[in-house]
Amino acid sequence: SSLFGGGGGAAEPPVVIEYEGFTITPEPMPDGGKFRLAARITREVDGETKQHHLIRADTLDSKDQAEDAAVNKAKQMIDQMGVRLFD
């Protein structure tokens, strides 16, 4: 690490999950020392990339927990709604 805090470490690449033709990208949001469950769900529909932002009130203690919960919730929404998610 450098004297002025430029640790030089590269940022972690975002987690991307492919599920049933959809792409799920967990995007936990810091919230008062915890992390709010959030994700972006995308899919190409009729040649156009559609996206849905999933944001829940749920908060979890760690970023990893929030990522896992967001992926699970996104999968549940995909299973229930499919492409209607973008209507």
N, C-alpha and C. Protein backbone atom coordinates (compact mmCIF):
# COMPACT_ATOMS: atom_id res chain seq x y z
N SER A 1 0.84 -1.20 0.00
CA SER A 1 0.00 0.00 0.00
C SER A 1 0.87 1.24 0.00
N SER A 2 0.31 2.31 -0.45
CA SER A 2 1.09 3.53 -0.57
C SER A 2 0.91 4.41 0.66
N LEU A 3 1.77 5.37 0.80
CA LEU A 3 1.73 6.30 1.92
C LEU A 3 0.41 7.07 1.96
N PHE A 4 -0.18 7.34 0.80
CA PHE A 4 -1.38 8.15 0.73
C PHE A 4 -2.66 7.34 0.52
N GLY A 5 -2.63 6.05 0.82
CA GLY A 5 -3.84 5.24 0.80
C GLY A 5 -4.19 4.64 -0.54
N GLY A 6 -3.37 4.82 -1.54
CA GLY A 6 -3.64 4.22 -2.85
C GLY A 6 -3.18 2.79 -2.86
N GLY A 7 -3.91 1.92 -2.24
CA GLY A 7 -3.52 0.53 -2.07
C GLY A 7 -3.23 -0.19 -3.37
N GLY A 8 -3.74 0.33 -4.48
CA GLY A 8 -3.42 -0.26 -5.76
C GLY A 8 -4.19 -1.54 -6.07
N GLY A 9 -4.98 -2.04 -5.12
CA GLY A 9 -5.75 -3.25 -5.38
C GLY A 9 -6.89 -2.96 -6.34
N ALA A 10 -7.08 -3.86 -7.28
CA ALA A 10 -8.17 -3.69 -8.26
C ALA A 10 -9.51 -3.97 -7.57
N ALA A 11 -10.52 -3.27 -8.02
CA ALA A 11 -11.86 -3.51 -7.48
C ALA A 11 -12.31 -4.90 -7.91
N GLU A 12 -13.10 -5.54 -7.03
CA GLU A 12 -13.62 -6.86 -7.36
C GLU A 12 -14.61 -6.74 -8.51
N PRO A 13 -14.54 -7.67 -9.46
CA PRO A 13 -15.54 -7.62 -10.54
C PRO A 13 -16.93 -7.94 -9.97
N PRO A 14 -17.97 -7.37 -10.55
CA PRO A 14 -19.30 -7.64 -10.02
C PRO A 14 -19.68 -9.10 -10.19
N VAL A 15 -20.45 -9.61 -9.24
CA VAL A 15 -20.98 -10.96 -9.32
C VAL A 15 -22.08 -10.95 -10.38
N VAL A 16 -22.03 -11.90 -11.30
CA VAL A 16 -23.07 -12.00 -12.33
C VAL A 16 -23.54 -13.44 -12.38
N ILE A 17 -24.84 -13.64 -12.25
CA ILE A 17 -25.43 -14.98 -12.25
C ILE A 17 -26.35 -15.10 -13.46
N GLU A 18 -26.18 -16.15 -14.25
CA GLU A 18 -27.09 -16.44 -15.36
C GLU A 18 -28.13 -17.42 -14.84
N TYR A 19 -29.42 -17.11 -15.08
CA TYR A 19 -30.49 -17.96 -14.58
C TYR A 19 -31.68 -17.89 -15.53
N GLU A 20 -32.05 -19.03 -16.11
CA GLU A 20 -33.23 -19.14 -16.98
C GLU A 20 -33.27 -18.07 -18.08
N GLY A 21 -32.09 -17.74 -18.63
CA GLY A 21 -32.03 -16.74 -19.70
C GLY A 21 -31.95 -15.30 -19.20
N PHE A 22 -31.96 -15.10 -17.90
CA PHE A 22 -31.85 -13.77 -17.29
C PHE A 22 -30.45 -13.62 -16.70
N THR A 23 -30.02 -12.39 -16.54
CA THR A 23 -28.77 -12.10 -15.85
C THR A 23 -29.10 -11.37 -14.56
N ILE A 24 -28.58 -11.88 -13.46
CA ILE A 24 -28.81 -11.28 -12.14
C ILE A 24 -27.48 -10.71 -11.66
N THR A 25 -27.48 -9.43 -11.32
CA THR A 25 -26.29 -8.78 -10.77
C THR A 25 -26.66 -8.23 -9.40
N PRO A 26 -26.22 -8.90 -8.32
CA PRO A 26 -26.50 -8.37 -6.99
C PRO A 26 -25.81 -7.03 -6.79
N GLU A 27 -26.53 -6.08 -6.20
CA GLU A 27 -25.98 -4.74 -5.96
C GLU A 27 -26.35 -4.28 -4.55
N PRO A 28 -25.82 -4.96 -3.51
CA PRO A 28 -26.16 -4.58 -2.14
C PRO A 28 -25.87 -3.10 -1.89
N MET A 29 -26.76 -2.46 -1.15
CA MET A 29 -26.63 -1.03 -0.88
C MET A 29 -26.28 -0.83 0.59
N PRO A 30 -25.16 -0.16 0.90
CA PRO A 30 -24.84 0.12 2.29
C PRO A 30 -25.96 0.92 2.94
N ASP A 31 -26.32 0.54 4.17
CA ASP A 31 -27.43 1.19 4.86
C ASP A 31 -27.21 1.11 6.37
N GLY A 32 -26.64 2.15 6.93
CA GLY A 32 -26.46 2.22 8.37
C GLY A 32 -25.64 1.09 8.98
N GLY A 33 -24.56 0.72 8.33
CA GLY A 33 -23.70 -0.34 8.85
C GLY A 33 -24.15 -1.73 8.41
N LYS A 34 -25.25 -1.81 7.70
CA LYS A 34 -25.74 -3.08 7.15
C LYS A 34 -25.82 -2.93 5.64
N PHE A 35 -26.40 -3.92 4.98
CA PHE A 35 -26.53 -3.87 3.52
C PHE A 35 -27.96 -4.20 3.12
N ARG A 36 -28.55 -3.30 2.33
CA ARG A 36 -29.91 -3.48 1.83
C ARG A 36 -29.87 -4.44 0.64
N LEU A 37 -30.82 -5.34 0.59
CA LEU A 37 -30.94 -6.32 -0.48
C LEU A 37 -31.34 -5.60 -1.78
N ALA A 38 -30.51 -5.71 -2.81
CA ALA A 38 -30.79 -5.07 -4.09
C ALA A 38 -30.07 -5.83 -5.20
N ALA A 39 -30.69 -5.81 -6.40
CA ALA A 39 -30.09 -6.48 -7.55
C ALA A 39 -30.64 -5.87 -8.83
N ARG A 40 -29.93 -6.10 -9.92
CA ARG A 40 -30.39 -5.73 -11.25
C ARG A 40 -30.63 -7.02 -12.02
N ILE A 41 -31.81 -7.13 -12.63
CA ILE A 41 -32.17 -8.30 -13.43
C ILE A 41 -32.31 -7.82 -14.87
N THR A 42 -31.58 -8.46 -15.79
CA THR A 42 -31.65 -8.06 -17.20
C THR A 42 -31.91 -9.27 -18.08
N ARG A 43 -32.46 -8.96 -19.26
CA ARG A 43 -32.68 -9.99 -20.28
C ARG A 43 -32.96 -9.28 -21.60
N GLU A 44 -32.52 -9.91 -22.68
CA GLU A 44 -32.85 -9.37 -23.99
C GLU A 44 -34.23 -9.87 -24.39
N VAL A 45 -35.11 -8.92 -24.73
CA VAL A 45 -36.48 -9.23 -25.14
C VAL A 45 -36.73 -8.52 -26.46
N ASP A 46 -37.03 -9.29 -27.51
CA ASP A 46 -37.29 -8.73 -28.84
C ASP A 46 -36.17 -7.80 -29.30
N GLY A 47 -34.93 -8.21 -29.06
CA GLY A 47 -33.78 -7.44 -29.51
C GLY A 47 -33.42 -6.24 -28.66
N GLU A 48 -34.14 -6.04 -27.56
CA GLU A 48 -33.89 -4.90 -26.66
C GLU A 48 -33.53 -5.43 -25.28
N THR A 49 -32.50 -4.85 -24.69
CA THR A 49 -32.12 -5.24 -23.34
C THR A 49 -33.04 -4.56 -22.34
N LYS A 50 -33.75 -5.37 -21.58
CA LYS A 50 -34.66 -4.88 -20.55
C LYS A 50 -34.00 -5.09 -19.20
N GLN A 51 -34.31 -4.20 -18.25
CA GLN A 51 -33.78 -4.40 -16.91
C GLN A 51 -34.80 -4.01 -15.85
N HIS A 52 -34.68 -4.69 -14.73
CA HIS A 52 -35.54 -4.43 -13.57
C HIS A 52 -34.63 -4.25 -12.37
N HIS A 53 -34.86 -3.20 -11.60
CA HIS A 53 -34.09 -2.98 -10.37
C HIS A 53 -34.90 -3.49 -9.20
N LEU A 54 -34.33 -4.46 -8.51
CA LEU A 54 -34.95 -5.06 -7.33
C LEU A 54 -34.34 -4.40 -6.11
N ILE A 55 -35.16 -3.75 -5.30
CA ILE A 55 -34.69 -3.15 -4.05
C ILE A 55 -35.69 -3.53 -2.97
N ARG A 56 -35.21 -4.15 -1.92
CA ARG A 56 -36.07 -4.60 -0.83
C ARG A 56 -35.71 -3.83 0.45
N ALA A 57 -36.65 -3.81 1.37
CA ALA A 57 -36.41 -3.15 2.66
C ALA A 57 -35.49 -3.97 3.55
N ASP A 58 -35.35 -5.26 3.26
CA ASP A 58 -34.54 -6.16 4.08
C ASP A 58 -33.09 -5.68 4.15
N THR A 59 -32.51 -5.70 5.34
CA THR A 59 -31.09 -5.40 5.49
C THR A 59 -30.42 -6.59 6.17
N LEU A 60 -29.17 -6.82 5.77
CA LEU A 60 -28.41 -7.94 6.32
C LEU A 60 -27.07 -7.42 6.81
N ASP A 61 -26.42 -8.22 7.65
CA ASP A 61 -25.19 -7.77 8.31
C ASP A 61 -23.98 -7.66 7.39
N SER A 62 -23.92 -8.50 6.35
CA SER A 62 -22.74 -8.46 5.48
C SER A 62 -23.13 -8.31 4.02
N LYS A 63 -22.18 -7.83 3.25
CA LYS A 63 -22.38 -7.67 1.81
C LYS A 63 -22.64 -9.03 1.16
N ASP A 64 -21.89 -10.05 1.57
CA ASP A 64 -22.06 -11.38 1.01
C ASP A 64 -23.45 -11.94 1.29
N GLN A 65 -23.95 -11.74 2.51
CA GLN A 65 -25.30 -12.20 2.85
C GLN A 65 -26.34 -11.49 1.98
N ALA A 66 -26.16 -10.19 1.79
CA ALA A 66 -27.09 -9.41 0.99
C ALA A 66 -27.04 -9.84 -0.47
N GLU A 67 -25.85 -10.16 -0.98
CA GLU A 67 -25.74 -10.65 -2.36
C GLU A 67 -26.47 -11.97 -2.52
N ASP A 68 -26.25 -12.91 -1.60
CA ASP A 68 -26.90 -14.22 -1.68
C ASP A 68 -28.42 -14.08 -1.60
N ALA A 69 -28.89 -13.26 -0.69
CA ALA A 69 -30.34 -13.06 -0.54
C ALA A 69 -30.93 -12.40 -1.78
N ALA A 70 -30.20 -11.47 -2.38
CA ALA A 70 -30.69 -10.78 -3.58
C ALA A 70 -30.80 -11.75 -4.75
N VAL A 71 -29.82 -12.63 -4.90
CA VAL A 71 -29.86 -13.63 -5.97
C VAL A 71 -31.05 -14.56 -5.76
N ASN A 72 -31.26 -15.01 -4.54
CA ASN A 72 -32.38 -15.90 -4.25
C ASN A 72 -33.72 -15.22 -4.53
N LYS A 73 -33.86 -13.96 -4.12
CA LYS A 73 -35.10 -13.23 -4.36
C LYS A 73 -35.31 -12.99 -5.85
N ALA A 74 -34.25 -12.66 -6.58
CA ALA A 74 -34.36 -12.44 -8.02
C ALA A 74 -34.79 -13.73 -8.72
N LYS A 75 -34.22 -14.86 -8.33
CA LYS A 75 -34.62 -16.15 -8.92
C LYS A 75 -36.09 -16.42 -8.65
N GLN A 76 -36.54 -16.14 -7.44
CA GLN A 76 -37.95 -16.34 -7.09
C GLN A 76 -38.85 -15.47 -7.98
N MET A 77 -38.47 -14.21 -8.17
CA MET A 77 -39.26 -13.32 -9.02
C MET A 77 -39.28 -13.80 -10.47
N ILE A 78 -38.14 -14.27 -10.96
CA ILE A 78 -38.06 -14.79 -12.33
C ILE A 78 -38.97 -16.01 -12.47
N ASP A 79 -38.91 -16.91 -11.48
CA ASP A 79 -39.76 -18.11 -11.52
C ASP A 79 -41.24 -17.75 -11.53
N GLN A 80 -41.61 -16.73 -10.78
CA GLN A 80 -43.02 -16.34 -10.67
C GLN A 80 -43.51 -15.51 -11.84
N MET A 81 -42.66 -14.63 -12.37
CA MET A 81 -43.12 -13.65 -13.34
C MET A 81 -42.55 -13.80 -14.74
N GLY A 82 -41.37 -14.39 -14.88
CA GLY A 82 -40.74 -14.49 -16.19
C GLY A 82 -40.55 -13.11 -16.80
N VAL A 83 -40.77 -12.98 -18.12
CA VAL A 83 -40.54 -11.71 -18.80
C VAL A 83 -41.56 -10.64 -18.41
N ARG A 84 -42.66 -11.03 -17.77
CA ARG A 84 -43.63 -10.02 -17.29
C ARG A 84 -42.98 -9.11 -16.25
N LEU A 85 -41.86 -9.51 -15.74
CA LEU A 85 -41.11 -8.70 -14.78
C LEU A 85 -40.81 -7.31 -15.36
N PHE A 86 -40.73 -7.21 -16.69
CA PHE A 86 -40.37 -5.96 -17.34
C PHE A 86 -41.58 -5.14 -17.79
N ASP A 87 -42.79 -5.62 -17.54
CA ASP A 87 -44.00 -4.88 -17.94
C ASP A 87 -44.21 -3.66 -17.11
